Amino acid sequence: MSNQYTKNPRSLEDRFWSKVDKSGECWIWIACLDSKNYGSFSRSPGESKLAHRAAWELTNGPVPAGLFVCHHCDNPPCVRLDHLFLGTQSDNMEDARAKGRQGRALGERNANAKLTTTKAQEIRRLSQRGFSQLQLGRLFGVDHTTIGHVLRCNTWR
């Protein structure tokens, strides 16, 4: 039985890099992409890896347990080695927050936000004047627990 893995004598590295467009700033994986636009590379039958992870491993060896291959460029199909870095899940989430690409936008950038920075400042001012959290919640159209988060600076810092 012949397939692409046995009939093709090219090395794994040659097969991988032949599927990469290096003409731009990012090196783009031009073969199979998943639903989130990440490249997928089949190393052997039944064994596929994310292309950026495969690029890292082909160059640097196995990724240590518990670490992820993350993108500096935030471009899922990019496999350019100097655009990749190792990090924990927390590192990846912090990187996402720092770049403003977290799934849930914070503050006024959140489409569901009922408050603004100005309103949060007003809530704190009125609280100092003696308004209760319940009163402030009714006044600003939010739950009193939301007011508590604003007053404790858990939100709207």
N, C-alpha and C. Protein backbone atom coordinates (compact mmCIF):
# COMPACT_ATOMS: atom_id res chain seq x y z
N MET A 1 0.84 -1.18 0.00
CA MET A 1 0.00 0.00 0.00
C MET A 1 0.89 1.25 0.00
N SER A 2 0.66 2.12 -0.92
CA SER A 2 1.48 3.31 -1.05
C SER A 2 0.68 4.53 -0.62
N ASN A 3 1.32 5.44 0.08
CA ASN A 3 0.67 6.71 0.44
C ASN A 3 1.72 7.81 0.45
N GLN A 4 1.31 9.03 0.80
CA GLN A 4 2.24 10.17 0.74
C GLN A 4 3.42 10.01 1.68
N TYR A 5 3.28 9.18 2.71
CA TYR A 5 4.34 9.04 3.69
C TYR A 5 5.41 8.04 3.23
N THR A 6 4.99 6.99 2.50
CA THR A 6 5.95 5.97 2.07
C THR A 6 6.49 6.22 0.68
N LYS A 7 5.68 6.82 -0.20
CA LYS A 7 6.15 7.04 -1.57
C LYS A 7 6.98 8.31 -1.71
N ASN A 8 6.93 9.18 -0.71
CA ASN A 8 7.64 10.44 -0.78
C ASN A 8 8.91 10.35 0.05
N PRO A 9 10.08 10.27 -0.58
CA PRO A 9 11.32 10.09 0.18
C PRO A 9 11.85 11.38 0.82
N ARG A 10 11.15 12.52 0.61
CA ARG A 10 11.62 13.78 1.20
C ARG A 10 11.62 13.70 2.72
N SER A 11 12.51 14.43 3.33
CA SER A 11 12.57 14.45 4.78
C SER A 11 11.34 15.15 5.35
N LEU A 12 11.09 14.90 6.61
CA LEU A 12 9.99 15.54 7.31
C LEU A 12 10.12 17.06 7.22
N GLU A 13 11.33 17.57 7.40
CA GLU A 13 11.58 19.01 7.33
C GLU A 13 11.26 19.55 5.93
N ASP A 14 11.70 18.84 4.89
CA ASP A 14 11.41 19.28 3.52
C ASP A 14 9.91 19.31 3.26
N ARG A 15 9.21 18.25 3.70
CA ARG A 15 7.75 18.23 3.51
C ARG A 15 7.10 19.40 4.23
N PHE A 16 7.54 19.65 5.46
CA PHE A 16 6.95 20.74 6.24
C PHE A 16 7.18 22.09 5.57
N TRP A 17 8.44 22.45 5.34
CA TRP A 17 8.76 23.79 4.86
C TRP A 17 8.29 24.04 3.43
N SER A 18 7.97 22.97 2.68
CA SER A 18 7.42 23.15 1.33
C SER A 18 5.98 23.67 1.38
N LYS A 19 5.37 23.64 2.55
CA LYS A 19 4.00 24.10 2.73
C LYS A 19 3.93 25.47 3.39
N VAL A 20 5.03 26.23 3.30
CA VAL A 20 5.12 27.53 3.97
C VAL A 20 5.45 28.61 2.95
N ASP A 21 4.70 29.69 3.00
CA ASP A 21 4.97 30.87 2.16
C ASP A 21 5.80 31.84 2.99
N LYS A 22 7.06 32.02 2.62
CA LYS A 22 7.98 32.87 3.37
C LYS A 22 8.12 34.26 2.74
N SER A 23 7.19 34.66 1.91
CA SER A 23 7.34 35.93 1.17
C SER A 23 7.00 37.16 2.00
N GLY A 24 6.34 37.01 3.13
CA GLY A 24 5.95 38.17 3.93
C GLY A 24 6.62 38.20 5.28
N GLU A 25 6.20 39.14 6.11
CA GLU A 25 6.72 39.27 7.47
C GLU A 25 6.46 37.98 8.26
N CYS A 26 5.22 37.49 8.19
CA CYS A 26 4.89 36.20 8.78
C CYS A 26 5.12 35.12 7.72
N TRP A 27 5.55 33.96 8.16
CA TRP A 27 5.69 32.81 7.26
C TRP A 27 4.40 32.01 7.40
N ILE A 28 3.60 31.99 6.35
CA ILE A 28 2.24 31.47 6.42
C ILE A 28 2.15 30.01 5.98
N TRP A 29 1.50 29.21 6.81
CA TRP A 29 1.21 27.82 6.50
C TRP A 29 0.13 27.82 5.43
N ILE A 30 0.41 27.21 4.27
CA ILE A 30 -0.51 27.28 3.14
C ILE A 30 -1.22 25.94 2.89
N ALA A 31 -1.05 24.99 3.78
CA ALA A 31 -1.75 23.71 3.63
C ALA A 31 -3.01 23.74 4.50
N CYS A 32 -3.35 22.65 5.10
CA CYS A 32 -4.59 22.49 5.85
C CYS A 32 -4.66 23.44 7.06
N LEU A 33 -5.81 24.13 7.21
CA LEU A 33 -6.06 24.99 8.36
C LEU A 33 -7.27 24.46 9.12
N ASP A 34 -7.24 24.63 10.44
CA ASP A 34 -8.40 24.22 11.23
C ASP A 34 -9.42 25.36 11.31
N SER A 35 -10.47 25.17 12.09
CA SER A 35 -11.56 26.15 12.16
C SER A 35 -11.12 27.48 12.80
N LYS A 36 -10.00 27.48 13.51
CA LYS A 36 -9.49 28.71 14.13
C LYS A 36 -8.34 29.31 13.33
N ASN A 37 -8.14 28.78 12.12
CA ASN A 37 -7.12 29.28 11.19
C ASN A 37 -5.69 28.87 11.54
N TYR A 38 -5.54 27.89 12.43
CA TYR A 38 -4.22 27.35 12.74
C TYR A 38 -3.88 26.27 11.72
N GLY A 39 -2.62 26.21 11.31
CA GLY A 39 -2.18 25.18 10.39
C GLY A 39 -2.14 23.82 11.05
N SER A 40 -2.34 22.79 10.22
CA SER A 40 -2.28 21.42 10.70
C SER A 40 -1.32 20.64 9.80
N PHE A 41 -0.35 19.98 10.42
CA PHE A 41 0.67 19.24 9.68
C PHE A 41 0.61 17.77 10.09
N SER A 42 0.46 16.90 9.09
CA SER A 42 0.44 15.45 9.35
C SER A 42 1.85 14.90 9.26
N ARG A 43 2.38 14.51 10.39
CA ARG A 43 3.74 13.95 10.45
C ARG A 43 3.77 12.53 9.90
N SER A 44 2.71 11.79 10.20
CA SER A 44 2.57 10.41 9.74
C SER A 44 1.07 10.10 9.77
N PRO A 45 0.64 8.99 9.20
CA PRO A 45 -0.80 8.69 9.20
C PRO A 45 -1.38 8.71 10.62
N GLY A 46 -2.42 9.49 10.79
CA GLY A 46 -3.09 9.57 12.09
C GLY A 46 -2.41 10.45 13.11
N GLU A 47 -1.31 11.07 12.77
CA GLU A 47 -0.61 11.94 13.72
C GLU A 47 -0.43 13.33 13.12
N SER A 48 -1.29 14.24 13.53
CA SER A 48 -1.13 15.61 13.05
C SER A 48 -0.84 16.52 14.24
N LYS A 49 -0.18 17.62 13.94
CA LYS A 49 0.17 18.62 14.94
C LYS A 49 -0.19 19.98 14.41
N LEU A 50 -0.36 20.92 15.31
CA LEU A 50 -0.50 22.30 14.88
C LEU A 50 0.80 22.69 14.19
N ALA A 51 0.69 23.37 13.06
CA ALA A 51 1.86 23.67 12.24
C ALA A 51 2.90 24.51 12.98
N HIS A 52 2.45 25.48 13.77
CA HIS A 52 3.43 26.31 14.48
C HIS A 52 4.18 25.49 15.54
N ARG A 53 3.49 24.53 16.13
CA ARG A 53 4.14 23.65 17.10
C ARG A 53 5.13 22.72 16.39
N ALA A 54 4.73 22.22 15.22
CA ALA A 54 5.62 21.36 14.43
C ALA A 54 6.86 22.13 14.01
N ALA A 55 6.70 23.40 13.60
CA ALA A 55 7.85 24.22 13.22
C ALA A 55 8.83 24.33 14.40
N TRP A 56 8.29 24.60 15.58
CA TRP A 56 9.13 24.71 16.78
C TRP A 56 9.88 23.41 17.03
N GLU A 57 9.15 22.29 16.99
CA GLU A 57 9.76 21.00 17.31
C GLU A 57 10.77 20.56 16.26
N LEU A 58 10.52 20.84 15.00
CA LEU A 58 11.47 20.47 13.96
C LEU A 58 12.80 21.22 14.14
N THR A 59 12.73 22.41 14.70
CA THR A 59 13.92 23.25 14.87
C THR A 59 14.57 23.10 16.25
N ASN A 60 13.74 23.03 17.29
CA ASN A 60 14.24 23.09 18.66
C ASN A 60 14.08 21.80 19.46
N GLY A 61 13.40 20.82 18.92
CA GLY A 61 13.14 19.60 19.68
C GLY A 61 11.79 19.68 20.38
N PRO A 62 11.47 18.65 21.16
CA PRO A 62 10.16 18.57 21.80
C PRO A 62 9.86 19.77 22.72
N VAL A 63 8.59 20.13 22.75
CA VAL A 63 8.13 21.18 23.66
C VAL A 63 8.00 20.57 25.05
N PRO A 64 8.62 21.17 26.05
CA PRO A 64 8.52 20.61 27.41
C PRO A 64 7.06 20.51 27.87
N ALA A 65 6.78 19.50 28.66
CA ALA A 65 5.43 19.27 29.19
C ALA A 65 4.92 20.53 29.88
N GLY A 66 3.67 20.84 29.64
CA GLY A 66 3.03 21.97 30.28
C GLY A 66 3.24 23.30 29.58
N LEU A 67 4.03 23.31 28.50
CA LEU A 67 4.27 24.55 27.78
C LEU A 67 3.55 24.54 26.43
N PHE A 68 3.27 25.72 25.94
CA PHE A 68 2.62 25.92 24.65
C PHE A 68 3.56 26.68 23.73
N VAL A 69 3.37 26.54 22.44
CA VAL A 69 4.07 27.36 21.47
C VAL A 69 3.11 28.50 21.13
N CYS A 70 3.50 29.71 21.49
CA CYS A 70 2.64 30.90 21.35
C CYS A 70 3.19 31.80 20.25
N HIS A 71 2.34 32.69 19.77
CA HIS A 71 2.71 33.62 18.70
C HIS A 71 2.92 35.04 19.25
N HIS A 72 4.07 35.65 18.95
CA HIS A 72 4.25 37.08 19.21
C HIS A 72 3.36 37.88 18.25
N CYS A 73 3.20 37.37 17.04
CA CYS A 73 2.51 38.10 15.97
C CYS A 73 0.99 37.93 15.99
N ASP A 74 0.47 37.03 16.79
CA ASP A 74 -0.97 36.77 16.87
C ASP A 74 -1.59 36.36 15.54
N ASN A 75 -0.81 35.71 14.70
CA ASN A 75 -1.28 35.27 13.39
C ASN A 75 -1.29 33.74 13.38
N PRO A 76 -2.45 33.09 13.58
CA PRO A 76 -2.49 31.64 13.76
C PRO A 76 -1.77 30.81 12.70
N PRO A 77 -1.82 31.14 11.39
CA PRO A 77 -1.11 30.29 10.44
C PRO A 77 0.40 30.58 10.33
N CYS A 78 0.91 31.52 11.11
CA CYS A 78 2.33 31.87 11.05
C CYS A 78 3.18 30.79 11.71
N VAL A 79 4.26 30.40 11.00
CA VAL A 79 5.20 29.40 11.53
C VAL A 79 6.62 29.95 11.59
N ARG A 80 6.77 31.27 11.45
CA ARG A 80 8.11 31.87 11.49
C ARG A 80 8.67 31.73 12.90
N LEU A 81 9.86 31.15 13.00
CA LEU A 81 10.41 30.77 14.30
C LEU A 81 10.61 31.96 15.24
N ASP A 82 11.04 33.11 14.72
CA ASP A 82 11.24 34.25 15.62
C ASP A 82 9.92 34.94 15.98
N HIS A 83 8.81 34.44 15.48
CA HIS A 83 7.49 34.94 15.88
C HIS A 83 6.87 34.03 16.94
N LEU A 84 7.57 32.95 17.29
CA LEU A 84 7.05 31.96 18.23
C LEU A 84 7.83 32.01 19.54
N PHE A 85 7.14 31.67 20.63
CA PHE A 85 7.81 31.56 21.93
C PHE A 85 7.11 30.51 22.77
N LEU A 86 7.84 29.94 23.71
CA LEU A 86 7.27 28.97 24.63
C LEU A 86 6.69 29.69 25.82
N GLY A 87 5.55 29.21 26.29
CA GLY A 87 4.94 29.80 27.48
C GLY A 87 3.90 28.87 28.07
N THR A 88 3.52 29.15 29.30
CA THR A 88 2.46 28.39 29.96
C THR A 88 1.11 28.90 29.47
N GLN A 89 0.06 28.23 29.86
CA GLN A 89 -1.29 28.70 29.54
C GLN A 89 -1.49 30.10 30.12
N SER A 90 -1.00 30.33 31.32
CA SER A 90 -1.12 31.66 31.95
C SER A 90 -0.36 32.71 31.14
N ASP A 91 0.84 32.36 30.67
CA ASP A 91 1.62 33.29 29.84
C ASP A 91 0.83 33.65 28.58
N ASN A 92 0.22 32.64 27.97
CA ASN A 92 -0.54 32.86 26.75
C ASN A 92 -1.75 33.75 26.99
N MET A 93 -2.45 33.53 28.10
CA MET A 93 -3.62 34.34 28.43
C MET A 93 -3.21 35.77 28.78
N GLU A 94 -2.10 35.93 29.49
CA GLU A 94 -1.61 37.27 29.82
C GLU A 94 -1.19 38.01 28.55
N ASP A 95 -0.54 37.30 27.64
CA ASP A 95 -0.17 37.88 26.35
C ASP A 95 -1.42 38.35 25.60
N ALA A 96 -2.47 37.54 25.63
CA ALA A 96 -3.74 37.90 24.97
C ALA A 96 -4.34 39.16 25.60
N ARG A 97 -4.35 39.21 26.93
CA ARG A 97 -4.90 40.39 27.61
C ARG A 97 -4.08 41.63 27.29
N ALA A 98 -2.76 41.49 27.34
CA ALA A 98 -1.87 42.64 27.09
C ALA A 98 -2.05 43.20 25.68
N LYS A 99 -2.39 42.32 24.74
CA LYS A 99 -2.55 42.76 23.35
C LYS A 99 -4.00 43.09 23.01
N GLY A 100 -4.90 43.00 24.00
CA GLY A 100 -6.29 43.34 23.76
C GLY A 100 -7.04 42.34 22.90
N ARG A 101 -6.58 41.08 22.88
CA ARG A 101 -7.28 40.09 22.07
C ARG A 101 -7.93 39.02 22.94
N GLN A 102 -8.12 39.34 24.19
CA GLN A 102 -8.83 38.43 25.08
C GLN A 102 -10.26 38.29 24.59
N GLY A 103 -10.81 37.09 24.73
CA GLY A 103 -12.15 36.81 24.23
C GLY A 103 -13.18 37.78 24.74
N ARG A 104 -13.04 38.26 25.95
CA ARG A 104 -14.00 39.18 26.52
C ARG A 104 -13.29 40.51 26.75
N ALA A 105 -13.70 41.50 26.00
CA ALA A 105 -13.08 42.82 26.13
C ALA A 105 -13.44 43.42 27.49
N LEU A 106 -12.54 44.21 28.01
CA LEU A 106 -12.75 44.84 29.31
C LEU A 106 -13.19 46.28 29.15
N GLY A 107 -13.87 46.76 30.20
CA GLY A 107 -14.26 48.16 30.23
C GLY A 107 -15.21 48.53 29.11
N GLU A 108 -15.06 49.72 28.59
CA GLU A 108 -15.96 50.24 27.57
C GLU A 108 -15.84 49.50 26.25
N ARG A 109 -14.74 48.74 26.06
CA ARG A 109 -14.58 47.96 24.82
C ARG A 109 -15.49 46.74 24.80
N ASN A 110 -16.03 46.35 25.96
CA ASN A 110 -16.95 45.22 26.02
C ASN A 110 -18.30 45.69 25.52
N ALA A 111 -18.81 45.03 24.47
CA ALA A 111 -20.08 45.44 23.86
C ALA A 111 -21.25 45.34 24.84
N ASN A 112 -21.11 44.52 25.89
CA ASN A 112 -22.19 44.35 26.87
C ASN A 112 -22.06 45.28 28.07
N ALA A 113 -21.04 46.12 28.10
CA ALA A 113 -20.81 47.00 29.26
C ALA A 113 -21.95 48.00 29.39
N LYS A 114 -22.45 48.12 30.60
CA LYS A 114 -23.51 49.10 30.88
C LYS A 114 -22.94 50.37 31.51
N LEU A 115 -21.69 50.28 31.95
CA LEU A 115 -21.05 51.42 32.59
C LEU A 115 -19.92 51.94 31.71
N THR A 116 -19.49 53.14 32.05
CA THR A 116 -18.33 53.75 31.41
C THR A 116 -17.37 54.15 32.52
N THR A 117 -16.19 54.54 32.15
CA THR A 117 -15.22 55.00 33.15
C THR A 117 -15.79 56.20 33.90
N THR A 118 -16.43 57.08 33.19
CA THR A 118 -17.03 58.27 33.81
C THR A 118 -18.10 57.88 34.83
N LYS A 119 -18.95 56.90 34.45
CA LYS A 119 -20.00 56.45 35.38
C LYS A 119 -19.40 55.76 36.60
N ALA A 120 -18.33 55.00 36.41
CA ALA A 120 -17.68 54.33 37.53
C ALA A 120 -17.13 55.36 38.52
N GLN A 121 -16.55 56.44 38.00
CA GLN A 121 -16.04 57.52 38.86
C GLN A 121 -17.20 58.19 39.61
N GLU A 122 -18.31 58.36 38.92
CA GLU A 122 -19.49 58.97 39.55
C GLU A 122 -20.05 58.05 40.64
N ILE A 123 -20.06 56.75 40.39
CA ILE A 123 -20.53 55.79 41.40
C ILE A 123 -19.68 55.90 42.66
N ARG A 124 -18.38 55.99 42.51
CA ARG A 124 -17.49 56.11 43.68
C ARG A 124 -17.73 57.43 44.42
N ARG A 125 -17.94 58.49 43.66
CA ARG A 125 -18.20 59.80 44.27
C ARG A 125 -19.51 59.78 45.06
N LEU A 126 -20.58 59.23 44.46
CA LEU A 126 -21.88 59.18 45.13
C LEU A 126 -21.86 58.25 46.34
N SER A 127 -21.07 57.19 46.27
CA SER A 127 -20.95 56.28 47.40
C SER A 127 -20.34 57.01 48.60
N GLN A 128 -19.35 57.85 48.33
CA GLN A 128 -18.73 58.62 49.41
C GLN A 128 -19.71 59.63 50.02
N ARG A 129 -20.71 60.00 49.25
CA ARG A 129 -21.74 60.94 49.75
C ARG A 129 -22.87 60.21 50.47
N GLY A 130 -22.79 58.87 50.56
CA GLY A 130 -23.75 58.13 51.36
C GLY A 130 -24.76 57.29 50.59
N PHE A 131 -24.70 57.27 49.28
CA PHE A 131 -25.62 56.43 48.51
C PHE A 131 -25.27 54.96 48.76
N SER A 132 -26.29 54.12 48.91
CA SER A 132 -26.06 52.68 49.11
C SER A 132 -25.80 52.00 47.77
N GLN A 133 -25.27 50.79 47.86
CA GLN A 133 -25.04 50.02 46.63
C GLN A 133 -26.35 49.74 45.91
N LEU A 134 -27.41 49.47 46.67
CA LEU A 134 -28.71 49.21 46.07
C LEU A 134 -29.23 50.46 45.34
N GLN A 135 -29.11 51.62 45.98
CA GLN A 135 -29.53 52.87 45.34
C GLN A 135 -28.72 53.15 44.07
N LEU A 136 -27.42 52.96 44.17
CA LEU A 136 -26.56 53.21 43.01
C LEU A 136 -26.87 52.23 41.87
N GLY A 137 -27.15 50.98 42.23
CA GLY A 137 -27.51 50.00 41.21
C GLY A 137 -28.76 50.41 40.46
N ARG A 138 -29.76 50.87 41.19
CA ARG A 138 -31.01 51.33 40.54
C ARG A 138 -30.75 52.57 39.69
N LEU A 139 -29.96 53.48 40.21
CA LEU A 139 -29.67 54.74 39.51
C LEU A 139 -28.93 54.49 38.19
N PHE A 140 -28.00 53.53 38.18
CA PHE A 140 -27.18 53.28 37.00
C PHE A 140 -27.64 52.07 36.18
N GLY A 141 -28.72 51.42 36.61
CA GLY A 141 -29.29 50.32 35.85
C GLY A 141 -28.47 49.04 35.86
N VAL A 142 -27.77 48.81 36.97
CA VAL A 142 -26.99 47.58 37.11
C VAL A 142 -27.30 46.96 38.47
N ASP A 143 -26.91 45.71 38.65
CA ASP A 143 -27.11 45.02 39.92
C ASP A 143 -26.22 45.62 40.99
N HIS A 144 -26.69 45.56 42.24
CA HIS A 144 -25.90 46.12 43.34
C HIS A 144 -24.56 45.42 43.50
N THR A 145 -24.46 44.13 43.09
CA THR A 145 -23.17 43.45 43.18
C THR A 145 -22.16 44.06 42.20
N THR A 146 -22.65 44.53 41.05
CA THR A 146 -21.78 45.23 40.10
C THR A 146 -21.25 46.51 40.72
N ILE A 147 -22.10 47.20 41.45
CA ILE A 147 -21.68 48.43 42.14
C ILE A 147 -20.59 48.09 43.16
N GLY A 148 -20.76 46.98 43.88
CA GLY A 148 -19.76 46.55 44.85
C GLY A 148 -18.41 46.30 44.19
N HIS A 149 -18.42 45.68 43.01
CA HIS A 149 -17.17 45.43 42.27
C HIS A 149 -16.51 46.75 41.86
N VAL A 150 -17.31 47.71 41.46
CA VAL A 150 -16.77 49.03 41.08
C VAL A 150 -16.15 49.70 42.30
N LEU A 151 -16.85 49.65 43.43
CA LEU A 151 -16.36 50.32 44.64
C LEU A 151 -15.10 49.67 45.19
N ARG A 152 -14.96 48.36 45.01
CA ARG A 152 -13.75 47.66 45.49
C ARG A 152 -12.65 47.66 44.43
N CYS A 153 -12.90 48.31 43.30
CA CYS A 153 -11.95 48.39 42.18
C CYS A 153 -11.63 47.02 41.59
N ASN A 154 -12.56 46.06 41.72
CA ASN A 154 -12.41 44.79 41.03
C ASN A 154 -12.65 45.00 39.54
N THR A 155 -13.49 45.95 39.21
CA THR A 155 -13.76 46.36 37.84
C THR A 155 -13.66 47.86 37.78
N TRP A 156 -13.47 48.37 36.60
CA TRP A 156 -13.39 49.83 36.38
C TRP A 156 -12.35 50.46 37.29
N ARG A 157 -11.14 49.91 37.23
CA ARG A 157 -10.04 50.45 38.05
C ARG A 157 -9.74 51.82 37.59
